[in-house]
Amino acid sequence: MTLLRFLGLLFLLVSIFAGTAAVVALTVIAMRFWPLSLTLILALAIFHFAIQQSPRRRD
């Protein structure tokens, strides 16, 4: 049972490291290609505005 707990915690630690590395990599890419990041932010803002303006359906 101790080995299973150790392997689970090891998997959790590796997952945290992988997630952190992915966030850092995406941040570096966003800073390197800032027009792409600006376009993505603008597209998300337009999508959010469109969702807010659409009438809500009641089923």
Protein backbone atom coordinates (compact mmCIF):
# COMPACT_ATOMS: atom_id res chain seq x y z
CA MET A 1 0.00 0.00 0.00
CA THR A 2 2.91 2.33 0.72
CA LEU A 3 4.35 1.69 -2.74
CA LEU A 4 1.02 2.52 -4.37
CA ARG A 5 0.78 5.77 -2.41
CA PHE A 6 4.36 6.66 -3.36
CA LEU A 7 3.69 6.01 -7.05
CA GLY A 8 0.52 8.09 -6.91
CA LEU A 9 2.32 11.01 -5.28
CA LEU A 10 5.17 10.69 -7.78
CA PHE A 11 2.67 10.82 -10.64
CA LEU A 12 1.09 13.89 -9.07
CA LEU A 13 4.46 15.62 -8.76
CA VAL A 14 5.40 14.86 -12.37
CA SER A 15 1.98 16.13 -13.51
CA ILE A 16 2.49 19.40 -11.63
CA PHE A 17 5.92 19.83 -13.22
CA ALA A 18 4.53 19.11 -16.70
CA GLY A 19 1.70 21.60 -16.23
CA THR A 20 4.07 24.27 -15.02
CA ALA A 21 6.40 23.66 -17.97
CA ALA A 22 3.46 23.94 -20.38
CA VAL A 23 2.36 27.27 -18.88
CA VAL A 24 5.91 28.64 -19.04
CA ALA A 25 6.30 27.46 -22.65
CA LEU A 26 3.02 29.05 -23.69
CA THR A 27 4.01 32.30 -21.99
CA VAL A 28 7.34 32.35 -23.81
CA ILE A 29 5.63 31.65 -27.14
CA ALA A 30 3.03 34.36 -26.46
CA MET A 31 5.80 36.88 -25.71
CA ARG A 32 7.81 35.86 -28.77
CA PHE A 33 4.87 36.06 -31.18
CA TRP A 34 2.94 38.95 -29.61
CA PRO A 35 0.73 39.71 -32.66
CA LEU A 36 -0.65 36.16 -32.45
CA SER A 37 -1.34 36.66 -28.75
CA LEU A 38 -3.03 39.99 -29.45
CA THR A 39 -5.19 38.37 -32.15
CA LEU A 40 -6.20 35.58 -29.77
CA ILE A 41 -7.18 38.05 -27.04
CA LEU A 42 -9.18 40.12 -29.54
CA ALA A 43 -10.97 37.01 -30.84
CA LEU A 44 -11.87 35.91 -27.30
CA ALA A 45 -13.17 39.39 -26.49
CA ILE A 46 -15.37 39.42 -29.61
CA PHE A 47 -16.65 35.93 -28.80
CA HIS A 48 -17.46 36.98 -25.24
CA PHE A 49 -19.32 40.06 -26.51
CA ALA A 50 -21.28 37.93 -28.99
CA ILE A 51 -22.26 35.46 -26.25
CA GLN A 52 -23.44 38.30 -24.01
CA GLN A 53 -25.57 39.85 -26.78
CA SER A 54 -27.24 36.65 -27.96
CA PRO A 55 -30.76 35.99 -26.66
CA ARG A 56 -31.01 33.18 -24.16
CA ARG A 57 -33.14 30.20 -25.13
CA ARG A 58 -35.39 28.47 -22.65
CA ASP A 59 -36.03 24.81 -23.41
